[in-house]
Amino acid sequence: MSAAVRQRVREDPVVRRQQIVDEAIRVIGQHGFNGFTVQLLAEKCGLSNAGLLYYFGSKGALLVALLDAVERREREVMEPLVAFARSVPAGTEDSLKIRLGLLRKIIERFVEHPELGRFSVTLQTESLDPAHPAHDWFLERQVLAIGMFESTITGFVAQPAITARLLYALMNGLFQQWLRADRMFDLVAAWDEGAGAIVRTPVSGSREKLVAEL
């Protein structure tokens, strides 16, 4: 980043704060919340420790801001798709595929933005510890995500509650494998095969159908 660009960023607190959030997502994705320091992040952002804390106050406040920012970004993308998928009545042609297209879009977001996925996976693993500051946040989001999966497939499978848990486990497990394998396999194709086996229907192409209808 040139000196002129850095100066413009410093002059706009909103832009500067967003730049810190973006860098923090990458740093925590690599080091975890427990493994990164304010000093490390400040150096990455070209700030002093005091300069970084001016925007967030504390390491814990920064984490809350990061989680809120990530959730807000994903909600802006997913809410229109959720609304459309749920508007399609059960029993209509391709209705299950359209609903599964909603879940497929989550996988595609992982592929498009692996740094967000790595951030989420790293924090989820750390926050299994009840003392972790993000423990309750991730527990609540897990409940909400499984509930959303369940409502998406209700009316299409015999046991929507357990099927939703299986799809959620498949999604998280595949993404962790994909990251460990340095993204060397087709994550979307693996999801299509796995989700199709769980719900016993082909899902390839369902995202295209979903987007085309919007």
C-alpha atoms as a PDB file:
ATOM      1  CA  MET A   1       0.000   0.000   0.000  1.00  0.00           C
ATOM      2  CA  SER A   2       1.468   3.396  -0.975  1.00  0.00           C
ATOM      3  CA  ALA A   3       1.996   6.226   1.517  1.00  0.00           C
ATOM      4  CA  ALA A   4      -0.793   8.203  -0.173  1.00  0.00           C
ATOM      5  CA  VAL A   5      -3.255   5.332   0.191  1.00  0.00           C
ATOM      6  CA  ARG A   6      -2.264   4.766   3.804  1.00  0.00           C
ATOM      7  CA  GLN A   7      -2.846   8.443   4.489  1.00  0.00           C
ATOM      8  CA  ARG A   8      -6.333   8.330   2.952  1.00  0.00           C
ATOM      9  CA  VAL A   9      -7.182   5.246   5.005  1.00  0.00           C
ATOM     10  CA  ARG A  10      -6.022   6.922   8.207  1.00  0.00           C
ATOM     11  CA  GLU A  11      -8.208   9.921   7.456  1.00  0.00           C
ATOM     12  CA  ASP A  12     -11.345   7.740   7.270  1.00  0.00           C
ATOM     13  CA  PRO A  13     -11.947   5.845  10.542  1.00  0.00           C
ATOM     14  CA  VAL A  14     -14.655   3.657   8.990  1.00  0.00           C
ATOM     15  CA  VAL A  15     -12.366   2.498   6.191  1.00  0.00           C
ATOM     16  CA  ARG A  16      -9.459   2.052   8.600  1.00  0.00           C
ATOM     17  CA  ARG A  17     -11.589  -0.012  10.953  1.00  0.00           C
ATOM     18  CA  GLN A  18     -12.668  -2.223   8.053  1.00  0.00           C
ATOM     19  CA  GLN A  19      -9.057  -2.676   6.988  1.00  0.00           C
ATOM     20  CA  ILE A  20      -8.214  -3.856  10.504  1.00  0.00           C
ATOM     21  CA  VAL A  21     -11.156  -6.280  10.462  1.00  0.00           C
ATOM     22  CA  ASP A  22     -10.035  -7.764   7.138  1.00  0.00           C
ATOM     23  CA  GLU A  23      -6.465  -8.207   8.351  1.00  0.00           C
ATOM     24  CA  ALA A  24      -7.624  -9.648  11.674  1.00  0.00           C
ATOM     25  CA  ILE A  25      -9.689 -12.294   9.845  1.00  0.00           C
ATOM     26  CA  ARG A  26      -6.526 -13.441   8.061  1.00  0.00           C
ATOM     27  CA  VAL A  27      -4.341 -13.328  11.184  1.00  0.00           C
ATOM     28  CA  ILE A  28      -6.794 -15.211  13.404  1.00  0.00           C
ATOM     29  CA  GLY A  29      -7.409 -17.731  10.636  1.00  0.00           C
ATOM     30  CA  GLN A  30      -3.688 -18.496  10.739  1.00  0.00           C
ATOM     31  CA  HIS A  31      -2.951 -18.205  14.464  1.00  0.00           C
ATOM     32  CA  GLY A  32      -6.277 -18.495  16.262  1.00  0.00           C
ATOM     33  CA  PHE A  33      -7.587 -16.040  18.818  1.00  0.00           C
ATOM     34  CA  ASN A  34      -5.363 -17.486  21.527  1.00  0.00           C
ATOM     35  CA  GLY A  35      -2.304 -17.467  19.270  1.00  0.00           C
ATOM     36  CA  PHE A  36      -2.350 -13.917  17.949  1.00  0.00           C
ATOM     37  CA  THR A  37      -1.357 -10.760  19.798  1.00  0.00           C
ATOM     38  CA  VAL A  38      -2.458  -7.165  19.514  1.00  0.00           C
ATOM     39  CA  GLN A  39       1.118  -6.327  18.610  1.00  0.00           C
ATOM     40  CA  LEU A  40       1.164  -8.806  15.710  1.00  0.00           C
ATOM     41  CA  LEU A  41      -2.068  -7.453  14.277  1.00  0.00           C
ATOM     42  CA  ALA A  42      -0.969  -3.848  14.813  1.00  0.00           C
ATOM     43  CA  GLU A  43       2.232  -4.527  12.870  1.00  0.00           C
ATOM     44  CA  LYS A  44       0.261  -6.112  10.022  1.00  0.00           C
ATOM     45  CA  CYS A  45      -1.933  -3.007   9.884  1.00  0.00           C
ATOM     46  CA  GLY A  46       0.924  -0.519  10.156  1.00  0.00           C
ATOM     47  CA  LEU A  47      -0.263   0.736  13.547  1.00  0.00           C
ATOM     48  CA  SER A  48       1.025   0.961  17.078  1.00  0.00           C
ATOM     49  CA  ASN A  49      -0.675  -1.122  19.770  1.00  0.00           C
ATOM     50  CA  ALA A  50      -2.351   2.033  21.079  1.00  0.00           C
ATOM     51  CA  GLY A  51      -3.423   2.971  17.564  1.00  0.00           C
ATOM     52  CA  LEU A  52      -5.092  -0.415  17.050  1.00  0.00           C
ATOM     53  CA  LEU A  53      -6.808  -0.347  20.436  1.00  0.00           C
ATOM     54  CA  TYR A  54      -8.139   3.126  19.640  1.00  0.00           C
ATOM     55  CA  TYR A  55     -10.534   1.448  17.196  1.00  0.00           C
ATOM     56  CA  PHE A  56     -11.588  -1.543  19.315  1.00  0.00           C
ATOM     57  CA  GLY A  57     -10.574  -0.968  22.934  1.00  0.00           C
ATOM     58  CA  SER A  58      -9.424  -4.508  23.669  1.00  0.00           C
ATOM     59  CA  LYS A  59      -8.605  -7.855  22.092  1.00  0.00           C
ATOM     60  CA  GLY A  60     -11.970  -9.192  23.256  1.00  0.00           C
ATOM     61  CA  ALA A  61     -13.874  -6.264  21.742  1.00  0.00           C
ATOM     62  CA  LEU A  62     -12.033  -6.855  18.482  1.00  0.00           C
ATOM     63  CA  LEU A  63     -13.216 -10.476  18.448  1.00  0.00           C
ATOM     64  CA  VAL A  64     -16.843  -9.423  18.951  1.00  0.00           C
ATOM     65  CA  ALA A  65     -16.510  -6.911  16.106  1.00  0.00           C
ATOM     66  CA  LEU A  66     -15.008  -9.573  13.839  1.00  0.00           C
ATOM     67  CA  LEU A  67     -17.763 -12.093  14.505  1.00  0.00           C
ATOM     68  CA  ASP A  68     -20.433  -9.459  13.925  1.00  0.00           C
ATOM     69  CA  ALA A  69     -18.774  -8.331  10.686  1.00  0.00           C
ATOM     70  CA  VAL A  70     -18.498 -11.852   9.292  1.00  0.00           C
ATOM     71  CA  GLU A  71     -22.080 -12.682  10.227  1.00  0.00           C
ATOM     72  CA  ARG A  72     -23.346  -9.464   8.654  1.00  0.00           C
ATOM     73  CA  ARG A  73     -21.515 -10.139   5.386  1.00  0.00           C
ATOM     74  CA  GLU A  74     -22.854 -13.667   5.106  1.00  0.00           C
ATOM     75  CA  ARG A  75     -26.393 -12.634   6.030  1.00  0.00           C
ATOM     76  CA  GLU A  76     -26.446 -10.055   3.222  1.00  0.00           C
ATOM     77  CA  VAL A  77     -25.615 -12.806   0.725  1.00  0.00           C
ATOM     78  CA  MET A  78     -27.750 -15.607   2.141  1.00  0.00           C
ATOM     79  CA  GLU A  79     -30.998 -13.930   3.248  1.00  0.00           C
ATOM     80  CA  PRO A  80     -32.417 -13.406  -0.277  1.00  0.00           C
ATOM     81  CA  LEU A  81     -31.598 -17.033  -1.142  1.00  0.00           C
ATOM     82  CA  VAL A  82     -33.169 -18.303   2.083  1.00  0.00           C
ATOM     83  CA  ALA A  83     -36.331 -16.302   1.446  1.00  0.00           C
ATOM     84  CA  PHE A  84     -36.661 -17.593  -2.098  1.00  0.00           C
ATOM     85  CA  ALA A  85     -35.918 -21.228  -1.236  1.00  0.00           C
ATOM     86  CA  ARG A  86     -38.544 -21.217   1.503  1.00  0.00           C
ATOM     87  CA  SER A  87     -41.093 -19.645  -0.825  1.00  0.00           C
ATOM     88  CA  VAL A  88     -41.021 -22.684  -3.110  1.00  0.00           C
ATOM     89  CA  PRO A  89     -43.783 -25.099  -1.944  1.00  0.00           C
ATOM     90  CA  ALA A  90     -42.868 -28.678  -1.155  1.00  0.00           C
ATOM     91  CA  GLY A  91     -43.817 -31.075  -3.910  1.00  0.00           C
ATOM     92  CA  THR A  92     -43.187 -28.707  -6.808  1.00  0.00           C
ATOM     93  CA  GLU A  93     -40.734 -29.625  -9.541  1.00  0.00           C
ATOM     94  CA  ASP A  94     -37.128 -29.318  -8.410  1.00  0.00           C
ATOM     95  CA  SER A  95     -38.233 -27.849  -5.049  1.00  0.00           C
ATOM     96  CA  LEU A  96     -35.809 -30.003  -3.037  1.00  0.00           C
ATOM     97  CA  LYS A  97     -32.957 -29.213  -5.422  1.00  0.00           C
ATOM     98  CA  ILE A  98     -33.675 -25.507  -5.063  1.00  0.00           C
ATOM     99  CA  ARG A  99     -33.575 -25.775  -1.285  1.00  0.00           C
ATOM    100  CA  LEU A 100     -30.376 -27.798  -1.375  1.00  0.00           C
ATOM    101  CA  GLY A 101     -29.001 -25.092  -3.657  1.00  0.00           C
ATOM    102  CA  LEU A 102     -29.190 -22.802  -0.652  1.00  0.00           C
ATOM    103  CA  LEU A 103     -26.867 -25.091   1.302  1.00  0.00           C
ATOM    104  CA  ARG A 104     -24.629 -25.523  -1.741  1.00  0.00           C
ATOM    105  CA  LYS A 105     -24.203 -21.750  -1.850  1.00  0.00           C
ATOM    106  CA  ILE A 106     -22.626 -21.887   1.618  1.00  0.00           C
ATOM    107  CA  ILE A 107     -20.008 -24.306   0.268  1.00  0.00           C
ATOM    108  CA  GLU A 108     -19.393 -22.053  -2.712  1.00  0.00           C
ATOM    109  CA  ARG A 109     -18.848 -19.137  -0.330  1.00  0.00           C
ATOM    110  CA  PHE A 110     -16.142 -21.201   1.369  1.00  0.00           C
ATOM    111  CA  VAL A 111     -14.430 -21.681  -1.984  1.00  0.00           C
ATOM    112  CA  GLU A 112     -14.759 -18.015  -2.945  1.00  0.00           C
ATOM    113  CA  HIS A 113     -13.526 -16.739   0.440  1.00  0.00           C
ATOM    114  CA  PRO A 114     -11.341 -19.407   2.089  1.00  0.00           C
ATOM    115  CA  GLU A 115      -9.936 -16.876   4.567  1.00  0.00           C
ATOM    116  CA  LEU A 116     -13.415 -16.474   6.101  1.00  0.00           C
ATOM    117  CA  GLY A 117     -13.841 -20.228   6.337  1.00  0.00           C
ATOM    118  CA  ARG A 118     -10.405 -20.700   7.902  1.00  0.00           C
ATOM    119  CA  PHE A 119     -11.219 -17.964  10.414  1.00  0.00           C
ATOM    120  CA  SER A 120     -14.482 -19.688  11.318  1.00  0.00           C
ATOM    121  CA  VAL A 121     -13.018 -23.205  11.553  1.00  0.00           C
ATOM    122  CA  THR A 122     -10.083 -22.060  13.685  1.00  0.00           C
ATOM    123  CA  LEU A 123     -12.314 -20.213  16.123  1.00  0.00           C
ATOM    124  CA  GLN A 124     -14.864 -23.029  16.263  1.00  0.00           C
ATOM    125  CA  THR A 125     -12.115 -25.457  17.275  1.00  0.00           C
ATOM    126  CA  GLU A 126     -10.689 -23.141  19.911  1.00  0.00           C
ATOM    127  CA  SER A 127     -14.098 -22.255  21.281  1.00  0.00           C
ATOM    128  CA  LEU A 128     -14.894 -25.846  22.266  1.00  0.00           C
ATOM    129  CA  ASP A 129     -13.338 -24.635  25.519  1.00  0.00           C
ATOM    130  CA  PRO A 130     -16.225 -23.123  27.544  1.00  0.00           C
ATOM    131  CA  ALA A 131     -13.839 -20.437  28.783  1.00  0.00           C
ATOM    132  CA  HIS A 132     -13.183 -19.175  25.264  1.00  0.00           C
ATOM    133  CA  PRO A 133     -14.793 -15.756  24.629  1.00  0.00           C
ATOM    134  CA  ALA A 134     -16.469 -17.064  21.455  1.00  0.00           C
ATOM    135  CA  HIS A 135     -17.824 -20.292  23.020  1.00  0.00           C
ATOM    136  CA  ASP A 136     -21.395 -19.118  23.526  1.00  0.00           C
ATOM    137  CA  TRP A 137     -21.456 -17.283  20.188  1.00  0.00           C
ATOM    138  CA  PHE A 138     -20.558 -20.408  18.216  1.00  0.00           C
ATOM    139  CA  LEU A 139     -22.890 -22.599  20.253  1.00  0.00           C
ATOM    140  CA  GLU A 140     -25.785 -20.276  19.464  1.00  0.00           C
ATOM    141  CA  ARG A 141     -24.868 -20.141  15.753  1.00  0.00           C
ATOM    142  CA  GLN A 142     -24.614 -23.920  15.595  1.00  0.00           C
ATOM    143  CA  VAL A 143     -28.136 -24.248  16.935  1.00  0.00           C
ATOM    144  CA  LEU A 144     -29.380 -21.623  14.468  1.00  0.00           C
ATOM    145  CA  ALA A 145     -27.577 -23.225  11.513  1.00  0.00           C
ATOM    146  CA  ILE A 146     -28.904 -26.718  12.217  1.00  0.00           C
ATOM    147  CA  GLY A 147     -32.365 -25.244  12.674  1.00  0.00           C
ATOM    148  CA  MET A 148     -32.087 -23.503   9.316  1.00  0.00           C
ATOM    149  CA  PHE A 149     -30.926 -26.743   7.670  1.00  0.00           C
ATOM    150  CA  GLU A 150     -33.836 -28.594   9.243  1.00  0.00           C
ATOM    151  CA  SER A 151     -36.443 -26.076   8.107  1.00  0.00           C
ATOM    152  CA  THR A 152     -34.947 -26.146   4.606  1.00  0.00           C
ATOM    153  CA  ILE A 153     -35.425 -29.907   4.182  1.00  0.00           C
ATOM    154  CA  THR A 154     -38.575 -30.442   6.256  1.00  0.00           C
ATOM    155  CA  GLY A 155     -41.237 -32.018   4.074  1.00  0.00           C
ATOM    156  CA  PHE A 156     -38.655 -33.647   1.828  1.00  0.00           C
ATOM    157  CA  VAL A 157     -36.969 -36.223   4.095  1.00  0.00           C
ATOM    158  CA  ALA A 158     -38.311 -38.682   6.659  1.00  0.00           C
ATOM    159  CA  GLN A 159     -36.168 -37.426   9.562  1.00  0.00           C
ATOM    160  CA  PRO A 160     -35.343 -33.762   9.017  1.00  0.00           C
ATOM    161  CA  ALA A 161     -33.766 -33.200  12.442  1.00  0.00           C
ATOM    162  CA  ILE A 162     -31.088 -35.899  12.157  1.00  0.00           C
ATOM    163  CA  THR A 163     -30.644 -35.264   8.422  1.00  0.00           C
ATOM    164  CA  ALA A 164     -29.931 -31.599   9.188  1.00  0.00           C
ATOM    165  CA  ARG A 165     -27.253 -32.637  11.690  1.00  0.00           C
ATOM    166  CA  LEU A 166     -25.683 -34.971   9.137  1.00  0.00           C
ATOM    167  CA  LEU A 167     -25.592 -32.233   6.495  1.00  0.00           C
ATOM    168  CA  TYR A 168     -24.104 -29.778   8.980  1.00  0.00           C
ATOM    169  CA  ALA A 169     -21.436 -32.308   9.974  1.00  0.00           C
ATOM    170  CA  LEU A 170     -20.683 -33.052   6.312  1.00  0.00           C
ATOM    171  CA  MET A 171     -20.269 -29.370   5.528  1.00  0.00           C
ATOM    172  CA  ASN A 172     -17.889 -28.668   8.403  1.00  0.00           C
ATOM    173  CA  GLY A 173     -15.947 -31.887   7.986  1.00  0.00           C
ATOM    174  CA  LEU A 174     -15.412 -31.439   4.253  1.00  0.00           C
ATOM    175  CA  PHE A 175     -14.265 -27.880   4.690  1.00  0.00           C
ATOM    176  CA  GLN A 176     -11.679 -28.860   7.303  1.00  0.00           C
ATOM    177  CA  GLN A 177     -10.401 -31.627   5.016  1.00  0.00           C
ATOM    178  CA  TRP A 178     -10.243 -29.182   2.112  1.00  0.00           C
ATOM    179  CA  LEU A 179      -8.145 -26.731   4.105  1.00  0.00           C
ATOM    180  CA  ARG A 180      -5.782 -29.433   5.395  1.00  0.00           C
ATOM    181  CA  ALA A 181      -5.348 -30.744   1.846  1.00  0.00           C
ATOM    182  CA  ASP A 182      -4.409 -27.207   0.727  1.00  0.00           C
ATOM    183  CA  ARG A 183      -7.608 -27.015  -1.348  1.00  0.00           C
ATOM    184  CA  MET A 184      -6.456 -29.814  -3.616  1.00  0.00           C
ATOM    185  CA  PHE A 185      -9.856 -31.406  -4.228  1.00  0.00           C
ATOM    186  CA  ASP A 186     -13.152 -30.114  -5.567  1.00  0.00           C
ATOM    187  CA  LEU A 187     -15.033 -29.114  -2.440  1.00  0.00           C
ATOM    188  CA  VAL A 188     -18.306 -28.369  -4.222  1.00  0.00           C
ATOM    189  CA  ALA A 189     -18.278 -31.712  -6.034  1.00  0.00           C
ATOM    190  CA  ALA A 190     -17.552 -33.545  -2.771  1.00  0.00           C
ATOM    191  CA  TRP A 191     -20.474 -31.726  -1.127  1.00  0.00           C
ATOM    192  CA  ASP A 192     -22.786 -32.644  -4.008  1.00  0.00           C
ATOM    193  CA  GLU A 193     -21.900 -36.327  -3.655  1.00  0.00           C
ATOM    194  CA  GLY A 194     -22.173 -36.362   0.129  1.00  0.00           C
ATOM    195  CA  ALA A 195     -25.366 -34.331   0.381  1.00  0.00           C
ATOM    196  CA  GLY A 196     -26.935 -36.388  -2.396  1.00  0.00           C
ATOM    197  CA  ALA A 197     -26.153 -39.589  -0.489  1.00  0.00           C
ATOM    198  CA  ILE A 198     -27.640 -38.201   2.720  1.00  0.00           C
ATOM    199  CA  VAL A 199     -30.880 -36.968   1.171  1.00  0.00           C
ATOM    200  CA  ARG A 200     -30.838 -39.560  -1.644  1.00  0.00           C
ATOM    201  CA  THR A 201     -31.238 -37.099  -4.498  1.00  0.00           C
ATOM    202  CA  PRO A 202     -28.831 -35.485  -6.997  1.00  0.00           C
ATOM    203  CA  VAL A 203     -27.901 -31.939  -5.969  1.00  0.00           C
ATOM    204  CA  SER A 204     -25.462 -30.886  -8.718  1.00  0.00           C
ATOM    205  CA  GLY A 205     -26.643 -27.757 -10.499  1.00  0.00           C
ATOM    206  CA  SER A 206     -29.152 -26.833  -7.799  1.00  0.00           C
ATOM    207  CA  ARG A 207     -27.380 -23.596  -7.005  1.00  0.00           C
ATOM    208  CA  GLU A 208     -27.662 -22.501 -10.637  1.00  0.00           C
ATOM    209  CA  LYS A 209     -31.411 -23.162 -10.522  1.00  0.00           C
ATOM    210  CA  LEU A 210     -31.724 -21.201  -7.307  1.00  0.00           C
ATOM    211  CA  VAL A 211     -29.832 -18.174  -8.607  1.00  0.00           C
ATOM    212  CA  ALA A 212     -31.628 -18.224 -11.953  1.00  0.00           C
ATOM    213  CA  GLU A 213     -34.982 -17.942 -10.196  1.00  0.00           C
ATOM    214  CA  LEU A 214     -33.975 -14.850  -8.182  1.00  0.00           C
END
